[in-house]
Structures are given as structure tokens and as C-alpha cells.
Amino acid sequence: MADRETKEILAHVPPFDDSVVYDEYRHVMVHYQEEQRQLYAEFKAFADDALAWSKAAAQFDNMRSRKRLKTRLEWVRAKQGEIEGVRAEVVSCIDAVRSAIMILGSASLGDEPAE
């Protein structure tokens, strides 16, 4: 009797339509794929911005380094010029001292009696 009642109850229940489940699954997957695509697009835009920022920062650092190097080279060249000026003064002083020694040496040789 239980089987008969069960069959009567089941006769009133419509058969299960699995296409509804598949349609719902497809709908959910399309929604997640769209969400994933948007997240990827947002991440790509962020990565592109970060890349542009890092390139700009590197270029700025390179420009600063170049300017610092240029300043140091100018300072070294200026110091070389100063040192060259001092060297020229020392050379002229040495030449003057040599000339004085030669003059004094000639004068002292003339005072000595001849043998």
C-alpha cells in the first residue's frame, strides 16, 4: 500500500528538469567570468600605472645622478685649473731661484784668484 501511495504522490510531481540547473550554472559561470575579467582589467591598469611610475622614478634618479656627476666634474676641472696655476707659480719661482743661483755662482767664481 505504501508503494501505491508513493506512486500516486509522485504522479502529481512533475519530472525533474535538469536544464534549469544547467542554465543556472551557466548563468553563474558567466557572472564569475565577467567579474574575473573586470578584476584582471583593473589589475592590468594598476600594473601599467606602477610600471609608468617606476620608469619615471628611474629616469628622475638617472637625471639627478647625471647632474651630480656633472657638478663633480666641473669642480674637479676647476680644482685642476687652480692646481695648474699654483704649479706655474712654483715653476716660475724655481726658475727665478735657479737664475739667482747661476748669477751668484758666476759672481763668486769671478772673485776667486786665478792660479
PDB file of N, CA and C in Angstrom:
ATOM      1  N   MET A   1       0.810  -1.173   0.000  1.00  0.00           N
ATOM      2  CA  MET A   1       0.000   0.000   0.000  1.00  0.00           C
ATOM      3  C   MET A   1       0.871   1.261   0.000  1.00  0.00           C
ATOM      4  N   ALA A   2       1.963   1.206   0.662  1.00  0.00           N
ATOM      5  CA  ALA A   2       2.845   2.368   0.706  1.00  0.00           C
ATOM      6  C   ALA A   2       3.387   2.655  -0.678  1.00  0.00           C
ATOM      7  N   ASP A   3       3.650   1.583  -1.437  1.00  0.00           N
ATOM      8  CA  ASP A   3       4.162   1.808  -2.783  1.00  0.00           C
ATOM      9  C   ASP A   3       3.121   2.481  -3.657  1.00  0.00           C
ATOM     10  N   ARG A   4       1.891   2.099  -3.474  1.00  0.00           N
ATOM     11  CA  ARG A   4       0.821   2.685  -4.278  1.00  0.00           C
ATOM     12  C   ARG A   4       0.630   4.160  -3.938  1.00  0.00           C
ATOM     13  N   GLU A   5       0.656   4.476  -2.671  1.00  0.00           N
ATOM     14  CA  GLU A   5       0.514   5.882  -2.253  1.00  0.00           C
ATOM     15  C   GLU A   5       1.690   6.714  -2.750  1.00  0.00           C
ATOM     16  N   THR A   6       2.866   6.138  -2.674  1.00  0.00           N
ATOM     17  CA  THR A   6       4.051   6.847  -3.142  1.00  0.00           C
ATOM     18  C   THR A   6       3.939   7.110  -4.627  1.00  0.00           C
ATOM     19  N   LYS A   7       3.468   6.121  -5.372  1.00  0.00           N
ATOM     20  CA  LYS A   7       3.327   6.295  -6.816  1.00  0.00           C
ATOM     21  C   LYS A   7       2.286   7.350  -7.139  1.00  0.00           C
ATOM     22  N   GLU A   8       1.223   7.405  -6.381  1.00  0.00           N
ATOM     23  CA  GLU A   8       0.162   8.399  -6.611  1.00  0.00           C
ATOM     24  C   GLU A   8       0.687   9.809  -6.323  1.00  0.00           C
ATOM     25  N   ILE A   9       1.461   9.906  -5.249  1.00  0.00           N
ATOM     26  CA  ILE A   9       2.018  11.223  -4.905  1.00  0.00           C
ATOM     27  C   ILE A   9       3.012  11.652  -5.981  1.00  0.00           C
ATOM     28  N   LEU A  10       3.856  10.721  -6.406  1.00  0.00           N
ATOM     29  CA  LEU A  10       4.849  11.039  -7.418  1.00  0.00           C
ATOM     30  C   LEU A  10       4.222  11.329  -8.775  1.00  0.00           C
ATOM     31  N   ALA A  11       3.051  10.812  -9.006  1.00  0.00           N
ATOM     32  CA  ALA A  11       2.373  11.070 -10.278  1.00  0.00           C
ATOM     33  C   ALA A  11       1.986  12.539 -10.390  1.00  0.00           C
ATOM     34  N   HIS A  12       1.737  13.180  -9.278  1.00  0.00           N
ATOM     35  CA  HIS A  12       1.370  14.603  -9.282  1.00  0.00           C
ATOM     36  C   HIS A  12       2.594  15.523  -9.363  1.00  0.00           C
ATOM     37  N   VAL A  13       3.775  14.987  -9.047  1.00  0.00           N
ATOM     38  CA  VAL A  13       5.007  15.787  -9.095  1.00  0.00           C
ATOM     39  C   VAL A  13       5.539  15.744 -10.521  1.00  0.00           C
ATOM     40  N   PRO A  14       5.814  16.912 -11.092  1.00  0.00           N
ATOM     41  CA  PRO A  14       6.333  16.921 -12.467  1.00  0.00           C
ATOM     42  C   PRO A  14       7.745  16.337 -12.496  1.00  0.00           C
ATOM     43  N   PRO A  15       8.158  15.787 -13.618  1.00  0.00           N
ATOM     44  CA  PRO A  15       9.509  15.224 -13.702  1.00  0.00           C
ATOM     45  C   PRO A  15      10.566  16.330 -13.540  1.00  0.00           C
ATOM     46  N   PHE A  16      11.708  15.947 -13.017  1.00  0.00           N
ATOM     47  CA  PHE A  16      12.788  16.899 -12.761  1.00  0.00           C
ATOM     48  C   PHE A  16      13.400  17.352 -14.070  1.00  0.00           C
ATOM     49  N   ASP A  17      13.495  18.661 -14.236  1.00  0.00           N
ATOM     50  CA  ASP A  17      14.060  19.239 -15.451  1.00  0.00           C
ATOM     51  C   ASP A  17      15.480  19.725 -15.124  1.00  0.00           C
ATOM     52  N   ASP A  18      16.488  18.955 -15.549  1.00  0.00           N
ATOM     53  CA  ASP A  18      17.864  19.318 -15.226  1.00  0.00           C
ATOM     54  C   ASP A  18      18.384  20.485 -16.063  1.00  0.00           C
ATOM     55  N   SER A  19      17.680  20.873 -17.083  1.00  0.00           N
ATOM     56  CA  SER A  19      18.112  22.015 -17.890  1.00  0.00           C
ATOM     57  C   SER A  19      18.087  23.306 -17.064  1.00  0.00           C
ATOM     58  N   VAL A  20      17.231  23.369 -16.069  1.00  0.00           N
ATOM     59  CA  VAL A  20      17.171  24.538 -15.195  1.00  0.00           C
ATOM     60  C   VAL A  20      18.479  24.654 -14.409  1.00  0.00           C
ATOM     61  N   VAL A  21      18.962  23.521 -13.912  1.00  0.00           N
ATOM     62  CA  VAL A  21      20.209  23.515 -13.161  1.00  0.00           C
ATOM     63  C   VAL A  21      21.372  23.940 -14.073  1.00  0.00           C
ATOM     64  N   TYR A  22      21.424  23.395 -15.285  1.00  0.00           N
ATOM     65  CA  TYR A  22      22.489  23.746 -16.225  1.00  0.00           C
ATOM     66  C   TYR A  22      22.424  25.227 -16.612  1.00  0.00           C
ATOM     67  N   ASP A  23      21.218  25.732 -16.829  1.00  0.00           N
ATOM     68  CA  ASP A  23      21.081  27.153 -17.164  1.00  0.00           C
ATOM     69  C   ASP A  23      21.556  28.038 -16.012  1.00  0.00           C
ATOM     70  N   GLU A  24      21.186  27.655 -14.805  1.00  0.00           N
ATOM     71  CA  GLU A  24      21.611  28.422 -13.633  1.00  0.00           C
ATOM     72  C   GLU A  24      23.141  28.368 -13.490  1.00  0.00           C
ATOM     73  N   TYR A  25      23.714  27.190 -13.707  1.00  0.00           N
ATOM     74  CA  TYR A  25      25.174  27.027 -13.646  1.00  0.00           C
ATOM     75  C   TYR A  25      25.850  27.907 -14.688  1.00  0.00           C
ATOM     76  N   ARG A  26      25.366  27.897 -15.908  1.00  0.00           N
ATOM     77  CA  ARG A  26      25.937  28.739 -16.967  1.00  0.00           C
ATOM     78  C   ARG A  26      25.832  30.221 -16.596  1.00  0.00           C
ATOM     79  N   HIS A  27      24.692  30.606 -16.060  1.00  0.00           N
ATOM     80  CA  HIS A  27      24.488  31.998 -15.664  1.00  0.00           C
ATOM     81  C   HIS A  27      25.508  32.409 -14.580  1.00  0.00           C
ATOM     82  N   VAL A  28      25.682  31.567 -13.587  1.00  0.00           N
ATOM     83  CA  VAL A  28      26.637  31.853 -12.510  1.00  0.00           C
ATOM     84  C   VAL A  28      28.055  31.916 -13.069  1.00  0.00           C
ATOM     85  N   MET A  29      28.405  31.006 -13.941  1.00  0.00           N
ATOM     86  CA  MET A  29      29.759  30.991 -14.507  1.00  0.00           C
ATOM     87  C   MET A  29      30.008  32.223 -15.381  1.00  0.00           C
ATOM     88  N   VAL A  30      29.025  32.644 -16.140  1.00  0.00           N
ATOM     89  CA  VAL A  30      29.177  33.863 -16.958  1.00  0.00           C
ATOM     90  C   VAL A  30      29.392  35.060 -16.038  1.00  0.00           C
ATOM     91  N   HIS A  31      28.630  35.108 -14.949  1.00  0.00           N
ATOM     92  CA  HIS A  31      28.769  36.208 -13.990  1.00  0.00           C
ATOM     93  C   HIS A  31      30.186  36.211 -13.387  1.00  0.00           C
ATOM     94  N   TYR A  32      30.691  35.062 -12.960  1.00  0.00           N
ATOM     95  CA  TYR A  32      32.033  34.980 -12.387  1.00  0.00           C
ATOM     96  C   TYR A  32      33.114  35.288 -13.420  1.00  0.00           C
ATOM     97  N   GLN A  33      32.924  34.855 -14.645  1.00  0.00           N
ATOM     98  CA  GLN A  33      33.910  35.162 -15.685  1.00  0.00           C
ATOM     99  C   GLN A  33      33.969  36.668 -15.953  1.00  0.00           C
ATOM    100  N   GLU A  34      32.815  37.307 -15.965  1.00  0.00           N
ATOM    101  CA  GLU A  34      32.782  38.758 -16.175  1.00  0.00           C
ATOM    102  C   GLU A  34      33.454  39.475 -15.009  1.00  0.00           C
ATOM    103  N   GLU A  35      33.186  39.018 -13.807  1.00  0.00           N
ATOM    104  CA  GLU A  35      33.817  39.603 -12.625  1.00  0.00           C
ATOM    105  C   GLU A  35      35.335  39.404 -12.676  1.00  0.00           C
ATOM    106  N   GLN A  36      35.753  38.213 -13.072  1.00  0.00           N
ATOM    107  CA  GLN A  36      37.176  37.921 -13.194  1.00  0.00           C
ATOM    108  C   GLN A  36      37.827  38.787 -14.289  1.00  0.00           C
ATOM    109  N   ARG A  37      37.150  38.995 -15.394  1.00  0.00           N
ATOM    110  CA  ARG A  37      37.662  39.841 -16.463  1.00  0.00           C
ATOM    111  C   ARG A  37      37.832  41.281 -15.976  1.00  0.00           C
ATOM    112  N   GLN A  38      36.855  41.763 -15.212  1.00  0.00           N
ATOM    113  CA  GLN A  38      36.948  43.121 -14.682  1.00  0.00           C
ATOM    114  C   GLN A  38      38.116  43.248 -13.696  1.00  0.00           C
ATOM    115  N   LEU A  39      38.280  42.237 -12.848  1.00  0.00           N
ATOM    116  CA  LEU A  39      39.402  42.257 -11.914  1.00  0.00           C
ATOM    117  C   LEU A  39      40.737  42.256 -12.651  1.00  0.00           C
ATOM    118  N   TYR A  40      40.823  41.448 -13.705  1.00  0.00           N
ATOM    119  CA  TYR A  40      42.057  41.407 -14.496  1.00  0.00           C
ATOM    120  C   TYR A  40      42.321  42.758 -15.159  1.00  0.00           C
ATOM    121  N   ALA A  41      41.281  43.379 -15.704  1.00  0.00           N
ATOM    122  CA  ALA A  41      41.446  44.683 -16.360  1.00  0.00           C
ATOM    123  C   ALA A  41      41.898  45.728 -15.330  1.00  0.00           C
ATOM    124  N   GLU A  42      41.328  45.684 -14.141  1.00  0.00           N
ATOM    125  CA  GLU A  42      41.718  46.615 -13.088  1.00  0.00           C
ATOM    126  C   GLU A  42      43.176  46.376 -12.660  1.00  0.00           C
ATOM    127  N   PHE A  43      43.542  45.113 -12.518  1.00  0.00           N
ATOM    128  CA  PHE A  43      44.918  44.784 -12.150  1.00  0.00           C
ATOM    129  C   PHE A  43      45.889  45.230 -13.240  1.00  0.00           C
ATOM    130  N   LYS A  44      45.528  45.010 -14.497  1.00  0.00           N
ATOM    131  CA  LYS A  44      46.405  45.402 -15.611  1.00  0.00           C
ATOM    132  C   LYS A  44      46.591  46.916 -15.630  1.00  0.00           C
ATOM    133  N   ALA A  45      45.510  47.657 -15.404  1.00  0.00           N
ATOM    134  CA  ALA A  45      45.618  49.120 -15.361  1.00  0.00           C
ATOM    135  C   ALA A  45      46.532  49.543 -14.204  1.00  0.00           C
ATOM    136  N   PHE A  46      46.390  48.903 -13.057  1.00  0.00           N
ATOM    137  CA  PHE A  46      47.238  49.207 -11.910  1.00  0.00           C
ATOM    138  C   PHE A  46      48.695  48.873 -12.225  1.00  0.00           C
ATOM    139  N   ALA A  47      48.936  47.719 -12.840  1.00  0.00           N
ATOM    140  CA  ALA A  47      50.304  47.313 -13.187  1.00  0.00           C
ATOM    141  C   ALA A  47      50.913  48.284 -14.203  1.00  0.00           C
ATOM    142  N   ASP A  48      50.123  48.718 -15.172  1.00  0.00           N
ATOM    143  CA  ASP A  48      50.619  49.690 -16.161  1.00  0.00           C
ATOM    144  C   ASP A  48      50.985  51.008 -15.484  1.00  0.00           C
ATOM    145  N   ASP A  49      50.146  51.455 -14.535  1.00  0.00           N
ATOM    146  CA  ASP A  49      50.448  52.683 -13.801  1.00  0.00           C
ATOM    147  C   ASP A  49      51.712  52.525 -12.962  1.00  0.00           C
ATOM    148  N   ALA A  50      51.855  51.375 -12.314  1.00  0.00           N
ATOM    149  CA  ALA A  50      53.049  51.133 -11.498  1.00  0.00           C
ATOM    150  C   ALA A  50      54.294  51.097 -12.377  1.00  0.00           C
ATOM    151  N   LEU A  51      54.187  50.509 -13.551  1.00  0.00           N
ATOM    152  CA  LEU A  51      55.327  50.457 -14.477  1.00  0.00           C
ATOM    153  C   LEU A  51      55.703  51.873 -14.934  1.00  0.00           C
ATOM    154  N   ALA A  52      54.699  52.660 -15.277  1.00  0.00           N
ATOM    155  CA  ALA A  52      54.974  54.038 -15.703  1.00  0.00           C
ATOM    156  C   ALA A  52      55.614  54.824 -14.565  1.00  0.00           C
ATOM    157  N   TRP A  53      55.131  54.635 -13.340  1.00  0.00           N
ATOM    158  CA  TRP A  53      55.687  55.334 -12.188  1.00  0.00           C
ATOM    159  C   TRP A  53      57.138  54.916 -11.979  1.00  0.00           C
ATOM    160  N   SER A  54      57.414  53.614 -12.057  1.00  0.00           N
ATOM    161  CA  SER A  54      58.785  53.145 -11.825  1.00  0.00           C
ATOM    162  C   SER A  54      59.727  53.655 -12.910  1.00  0.00           C
ATOM    163  N   LYS A  55      59.264  53.709 -14.167  1.00  0.00           N
ATOM    164  CA  LYS A  55      60.101  54.252 -15.237  1.00  0.00           C
ATOM    165  C   LYS A  55      60.397  55.730 -14.992  1.00  0.00           C
ATOM    166  N   ALA A  56      59.375  56.477 -14.584  1.00  0.00           N
ATOM    167  CA  ALA A  56      59.568  57.907 -14.319  1.00  0.00           C
ATOM    168  C   ALA A  56      60.522  58.105 -13.146  1.00  0.00           C
ATOM    169  N   ALA A  57      60.389  57.297 -12.112  1.00  0.00           N
ATOM    170  CA  ALA A  57      61.277  57.412 -10.958  1.00  0.00           C
ATOM    171  C   ALA A  57      62.711  57.075 -11.353  1.00  0.00           C
ATOM    172  N   ALA A  58      62.891  56.052 -12.165  1.00  0.00           N
ATOM    173  CA  ALA A  58      64.232  55.677 -12.609  1.00  0.00           C
ATOM    174  C   ALA A  58      64.841  56.791 -13.464  1.00  0.00           C
ATOM    175  N   GLN A  59      64.044  57.365 -14.341  1.00  0.00           N
ATOM    176  CA  GLN A  59      64.544  58.449 -15.189  1.00  0.00           C
ATOM    177  C   GLN A  59      64.920  59.663 -14.336  1.00  0.00           C
ATOM    178  N   PHE A  60      64.090  59.970 -13.351  1.00  0.00           N
ATOM    179  CA  PHE A  60      64.386  61.094 -12.458  1.00  0.00           C
ATOM    180  C   PHE A  60      65.680  60.849 -11.697  1.00  0.00           C
ATOM    181  N   ASP A  61      65.850  59.631 -11.181  1.00  0.00           N
ATOM    182  CA  ASP A  61      67.082  59.297 -10.467  1.00  0.00           C
ATOM    183  C   ASP A  61      68.295  59.378 -11.395  1.00  0.00           C
ATOM    184  N   ASN A  62      68.138  58.916 -12.618  1.00  0.00           N
ATOM    185  CA  ASN A  62      69.242  58.994 -13.583  1.00  0.00           C
ATOM    186  C   ASN A  62      69.615  60.442 -13.878  1.00  0.00           C
ATOM    187  N   MET A  63      68.608  61.289 -14.012  1.00  0.00           N
ATOM    188  CA  MET A  63      68.875  62.703 -14.282  1.00  0.00           C
ATOM    189  C   MET A  63      69.598  63.347 -13.093  1.00  0.00           C
ATOM    190  N   ARG A  64      69.172  63.012 -11.876  1.00  0.00           N
ATOM    191  CA  ARG A  64      69.830  63.553 -10.688  1.00  0.00           C
ATOM    192  C   ARG A  64      71.273  63.080 -10.609  1.00  0.00           C
ATOM    193  N   SER A  65      71.486  61.802 -10.897  1.00  0.00           N
ATOM    194  CA  SER A  65      72.851  61.259 -10.870  1.00  0.00           C
ATOM    195  C   SER A  65      73.723  61.933 -11.920  1.00  0.00           C
ATOM    196  N   ARG A  66      73.159  62.139 -13.092  1.00  0.00           N
ATOM    197  CA  ARG A  66      73.906  62.801 -14.170  1.00  0.00           C
ATOM    198  C   ARG A  66      74.273  64.233 -13.774  1.00  0.00           C
ATOM    199  N   LYS A  67      73.324  64.944 -13.167  1.00  0.00           N
ATOM    200  CA  LYS A  67      73.571  66.313 -12.743  1.00  0.00           C
ATOM    201  C   LYS A  67      74.641  66.340 -11.644  1.00  0.00           C
ATOM    202  N   ARG A  68      74.556  65.390 -10.697  1.00  0.00           N
ATOM    203  CA  ARG A  68      75.547  65.311  -9.619  1.00  0.00           C
ATOM    204  C   ARG A  68      76.941  65.030 -10.196  1.00  0.00           C
ATOM    205  N   LEU A  69      77.017  64.119 -11.157  1.00  0.00           N
ATOM    206  CA  LEU A  69      78.293  63.791 -11.793  1.00  0.00           C
ATOM    207  C   LEU A  69      78.851  65.001 -12.548  1.00  0.00           C
ATOM    208  N   LYS A  70      77.973  65.708 -13.250  1.00  0.00           N
ATOM    209  CA  LYS A  70      78.398  66.894 -13.994  1.00  0.00           C
ATOM    210  C   LYS A  70      78.956  67.950 -13.036  1.00  0.00           C
ATOM    211  N   THR A  71      78.295  68.137 -11.903  1.00  0.00           N
ATOM    212  CA  THR A  71      78.758  69.105 -10.909  1.00  0.00           C
ATOM    213  C   THR A  71      80.128  68.704 -10.369  1.00  0.00           C
ATOM    214  N   ARG A  72      80.306  67.420 -10.094  1.00  0.00           N
ATOM    215  CA  ARG A  72      81.599  66.948  -9.594  1.00  0.00           C
ATOM    216  C   ARG A  72      82.701  67.129 -10.631  1.00  0.00           C
ATOM    217  N   LEU A  73      82.385  66.841 -11.894  1.00  0.00           N
ATOM    218  CA  LEU A  73      83.383  67.037 -12.951  1.00  0.00           C
ATOM    219  C   LEU A  73      83.769  68.506 -13.069  1.00  0.00           C
ATOM    220  N   GLU A  74      82.788  69.387 -12.984  1.00  0.00           N
ATOM    221  CA  GLU A  74      83.089  70.823 -13.046  1.00  0.00           C
ATOM    222  C   GLU A  74      83.971  71.232 -11.877  1.00  0.00           C
ATOM    223  N   TRP A  75      83.708  70.705 -10.688  1.00  0.00           N
ATOM    224  CA  TRP A  75      84.509  71.027  -9.514  1.00  0.00           C
ATOM    225  C   TRP A  75      85.937  70.528  -9.705  1.00  0.00           C
ATOM    226  N   VAL A  76      86.091  69.290 -10.201  1.00  0.00           N
ATOM    227  CA  VAL A  76      87.422  68.722 -10.424  1.00  0.00           C
ATOM    228  C   VAL A  76      88.186  69.550 -11.454  1.00  0.00           C
ATOM    229  N   ARG A  77      87.528  69.933 -12.525  1.00  0.00           N
ATOM    230  CA  ARG A  77      88.190  70.742 -13.552  1.00  0.00           C
ATOM    231  C   ARG A  77      88.615  72.103 -12.992  1.00  0.00           C
ATOM    232  N   ALA A  78      87.753  72.684 -12.161  1.00  0.00           N
ATOM    233  CA  ALA A  78      88.107  73.965 -11.556  1.00  0.00           C
ATOM    234  C   ALA A  78      89.320  73.801 -10.639  1.00  0.00           C
ATOM    235  N   LYS A  79      89.338  72.729  -9.865  1.00  0.00           N
ATOM    236  CA  LYS A  79      90.480  72.481  -8.974  1.00  0.00           C
ATOM    237  C   LYS A  79      91.744  72.197  -9.783  1.00  0.00           C
ATOM    238  N   GLN A  80      91.603  71.507 -10.904  1.00  0.00           N
ATOM    239  CA  GLN A  80      92.760  71.255 -11.765  1.00  0.00           C
ATOM    240  C   GLN A  80      93.330  72.573 -12.275  1.00  0.00           C
ATOM    241  N   GLY A  81      92.433  73.491 -12.639  1.00  0.00           N
ATOM    242  CA  GLY A  81      92.878  74.816 -13.086  1.00  0.00           C
ATOM    243  C   GLY A  81      93.616  75.550 -11.986  1.00  0.00           C
ATOM    244  N   GLU A  82      93.088  75.485 -10.768  1.00  0.00           N
ATOM    245  CA  GLU A  82      93.758  76.138  -9.635  1.00  0.00           C
ATOM    246  C   GLU A  82      95.126  75.512  -9.391  1.00  0.00           C
ATOM    247  N   ILE A  83      95.186  74.195  -9.421  1.00  0.00           N
ATOM    248  CA  ILE A  83      96.443  73.498  -9.184  1.00  0.00           C
ATOM    249  C   ILE A  83      97.447  73.830 -10.285  1.00  0.00           C
ATOM    250  N   GLU A  84      96.978  73.915 -11.512  1.00  0.00           N
ATOM    251  CA  GLU A  84      97.866  74.278 -12.626  1.00  0.00           C
ATOM    252  C   GLU A  84      98.420  75.682 -12.429  1.00  0.00           C
ATOM    253  N   GLY A  85      97.594  76.587 -11.938  1.00  0.00           N
ATOM    254  CA  GLY A  85      98.066  77.944 -11.649  1.00  0.00           C
ATOM    255  C   GLY A  85      99.142  77.941 -10.559  1.00  0.00           C
ATOM    256  N   VAL A  86      98.926  77.165  -9.505  1.00  0.00           N
ATOM    257  CA  VAL A  86      99.915  77.057  -8.424  1.00  0.00           C
ATOM    258  C   VAL A  86     101.193  76.433  -8.965  1.00  0.00           C
ATOM    259  N   ARG A  87     101.058  75.411  -9.804  1.00  0.00           N
ATOM    260  CA  ARG A  87     102.229  74.756 -10.386  1.00  0.00           C
ATOM    261  C   ARG A  87     103.045  75.749 -11.224  1.00  0.00           C
ATOM    262  N   ALA A  88     102.333  76.550 -12.002  1.00  0.00           N
ATOM    263  CA  ALA A  88     103.023  77.541 -12.834  1.00  0.00           C
ATOM    264  C   ALA A  88     103.781  78.538 -11.951  1.00  0.00           C
ATOM    265  N   GLU A  89     103.183  78.942 -10.838  1.00  0.00           N
ATOM    266  CA  GLU A  89     103.859  79.865  -9.911  1.00  0.00           C
ATOM    267  C   GLU A  89     105.098  79.206  -9.311  1.00  0.00           C
ATOM    268  N   VAL A  90     104.971  77.948  -8.919  1.00  0.00           N
ATOM    269  CA  VAL A  90     106.111  77.235  -8.326  1.00  0.00           C
ATOM    270  C   VAL A  90     107.230  77.097  -9.353  1.00  0.00           C
ATOM    271  N   VAL A  91     106.873  76.753 -10.589  1.00  0.00           N
ATOM    272  CA  VAL A  91     107.881  76.620 -11.647  1.00  0.00           C
ATOM    273  C   VAL A  91     108.581  77.951 -11.882  1.00  0.00           C
ATOM    274  N   SER A  92     107.828  79.037 -11.906  1.00  0.00           N
ATOM    275  CA  SER A  92     108.458  80.344 -12.124  1.00  0.00           C
ATOM    276  C   SER A  92     109.354  80.706 -10.941  1.00  0.00           C
ATOM    277  N   CYS A  93     108.955  80.361  -9.724  1.00  0.00           N
ATOM    278  CA  CYS A  93     109.795  80.621  -8.548  1.00  0.00           C
ATOM    279  C   CYS A  93     111.084  79.807  -8.620  1.00  0.00           C
ATOM    280  N   ILE A  94     110.947  78.537  -9.006  1.00  0.00           N
ATOM    281  CA  ILE A  94     112.123  77.677  -9.129  1.00  0.00           C
ATOM    282  C   ILE A  94     113.058  78.225 -10.206  1.00  0.00           C
ATOM    283  N   ASP A  95     112.486  78.661 -11.322  1.00  0.00           N
ATOM    284  CA  ASP A  95     113.310  79.252 -12.385  1.00  0.00           C
ATOM    285  C   ASP A  95     114.024  80.514 -11.883  1.00  0.00           C
ATOM    286  N   ALA A  96     113.323  81.322 -11.096  1.00  0.00           N
ATOM    287  CA  ALA A  96     113.940  82.536 -10.544  1.00  0.00           C
ATOM    288  C   ALA A  96     115.065  82.177  -9.586  1.00  0.00           C
ATOM    289  N   VAL A  97     114.851  81.155  -8.760  1.00  0.00           N
ATOM    290  CA  VAL A  97     115.879  80.719  -7.822  1.00  0.00           C
ATOM    291  C   VAL A  97     117.074  80.180  -8.596  1.00  0.00           C
ATOM    292  N   ARG A  98     116.851  79.408  -9.638  1.00  0.00           N
ATOM    293  CA  ARG A  98     117.950  78.891 -10.458  1.00  0.00           C
ATOM    294  C   ARG A  98     118.750  80.045 -11.077  1.00  0.00           C
ATOM    295  N   SER A  99     118.015  81.015 -11.610  1.00  0.00           N
ATOM    296  CA  SER A  99     118.685  82.173 -12.210  1.00  0.00           C
ATOM    297  C   SER A  99     119.528  82.904 -11.165  1.00  0.00           C
ATOM    298  N   ALA A 100     118.973  83.069  -9.980  1.00  0.00           N
ATOM    299  CA  ALA A 100     119.707  83.756  -8.907  1.00  0.00           C
ATOM    300  C   ALA A 100     120.937  82.965  -8.515  1.00  0.00           C
ATOM    301  N   ILE A 101     120.811  81.654  -8.427  1.00  0.00           N
ATOM    302  CA  ILE A 101     121.953  80.807  -8.070  1.00  0.00           C
ATOM    303  C   ILE A 101     123.018  80.895  -9.154  1.00  0.00           C
ATOM    304  N   MET A 102     122.584  80.901 -10.408  1.00  0.00           N
ATOM    305  CA  MET A 102     123.557  80.995 -11.504  1.00  0.00           C
ATOM    306  C   MET A 102     124.279  82.340 -11.470  1.00  0.00           C
ATOM    307  N   ILE A 103     123.534  83.413 -11.202  1.00  0.00           N
ATOM    308  CA  ILE A 103     124.155  84.749 -11.132  1.00  0.00           C
ATOM    309  C   ILE A 103     125.123  84.810  -9.963  1.00  0.00           C
ATOM    310  N   LEU A 104     124.691  84.291  -8.806  1.00  0.00           N
ATOM    311  CA  LEU A 104     125.555  84.294  -7.628  1.00  0.00           C
ATOM    312  C   LEU A 104     126.763  83.388  -7.845  1.00  0.00           C
ATOM    313  N   GLY A 105     126.527  82.274  -8.540  1.00  0.00           N
ATOM    314  CA  GLY A 105     127.631  81.350  -8.816  1.00  0.00           C
ATOM    315  C   GLY A 105     128.644  81.982  -9.746  1.00  0.00           C
ATOM    316  N   SER A 106     128.203  82.732 -10.735  1.00  0.00           N
ATOM    317  CA  SER A 106     129.111  83.402 -11.674  1.00  0.00           C
ATOM    318  C   SER A 106     129.886  84.493 -10.966  1.00  0.00           C
ATOM    319  N   ALA A 107     129.219  85.215 -10.103  1.00  0.00           N
ATOM    320  CA  ALA A 107     129.864  86.308  -9.383  1.00  0.00           C
ATOM    321  C   ALA A 107     130.917  85.777  -8.432  1.00  0.00           C
ATOM    322  N   SER A 108     130.623  84.678  -7.790  1.00  0.00           N
ATOM    323  CA  SER A 108     131.585  84.117  -6.838  1.00  0.00           C
ATOM    324  C   SER A 108     132.752  83.490  -7.558  1.00  0.00           C
ATOM    325  N   LEU A 109     132.586  82.999  -8.722  1.00  0.00           N
ATOM    326  CA  LEU A 109     133.709  82.432  -9.488  1.00  0.00           C
ATOM    327  C   LEU A 109     134.642  83.544  -9.952  1.00  0.00           C
ATOM    328  N   GLY A 110     134.126  84.688 -10.258  1.00  0.00           N
ATOM    329  CA  GLY A 110     134.971  85.797 -10.706  1.00  0.00           C
ATOM    330  C   GLY A 110     135.819  86.373  -9.598  1.00  0.00           C
ATOM    331  N   ASP A 111     135.468  86.238  -8.355  1.00  0.00           N
ATOM    332  CA  ASP A 111     136.201  86.797  -7.246  1.00  0.00           C
ATOM    333  C   ASP A 111     137.387  85.932  -6.848  1.00  0.00           C
ATOM    334  N   GLU A 112     137.406  84.712  -7.238  1.00  0.00           N
ATOM    335  CA  GLU A 112     138.473  83.819  -6.820  1.00  0.00           C
ATOM    336  C   GLU A 112     139.762  84.126  -7.615  1.00  0.00           C
ATOM    337  N   PRO A 113     140.886  84.056  -6.971  1.00  0.00           N
ATOM    338  CA  PRO A 113     142.150  84.326  -7.678  1.00  0.00           C
ATOM    339  C   PRO A 113     142.464  83.243  -8.678  1.00  0.00           C
ATOM    340  N   ALA A 114     143.042  83.600  -9.748  1.00  0.00           N
ATOM    341  CA  ALA A 114     143.403  82.652 -10.780  1.00  0.00           C
ATOM    342  C   ALA A 114     144.700  81.972 -10.411  1.00  0.00           C
ATOM    343  N   GLU A 115     144.884  80.774 -10.758  1.00  0.00           N
ATOM    344  CA  GLU A 115     146.092  80.042 -10.378  1.00  0.00           C
ATOM    345  C   GLU A 115     147.077  79.987 -11.442  1.00  0.00           C
TER     346      GLU A 115
END
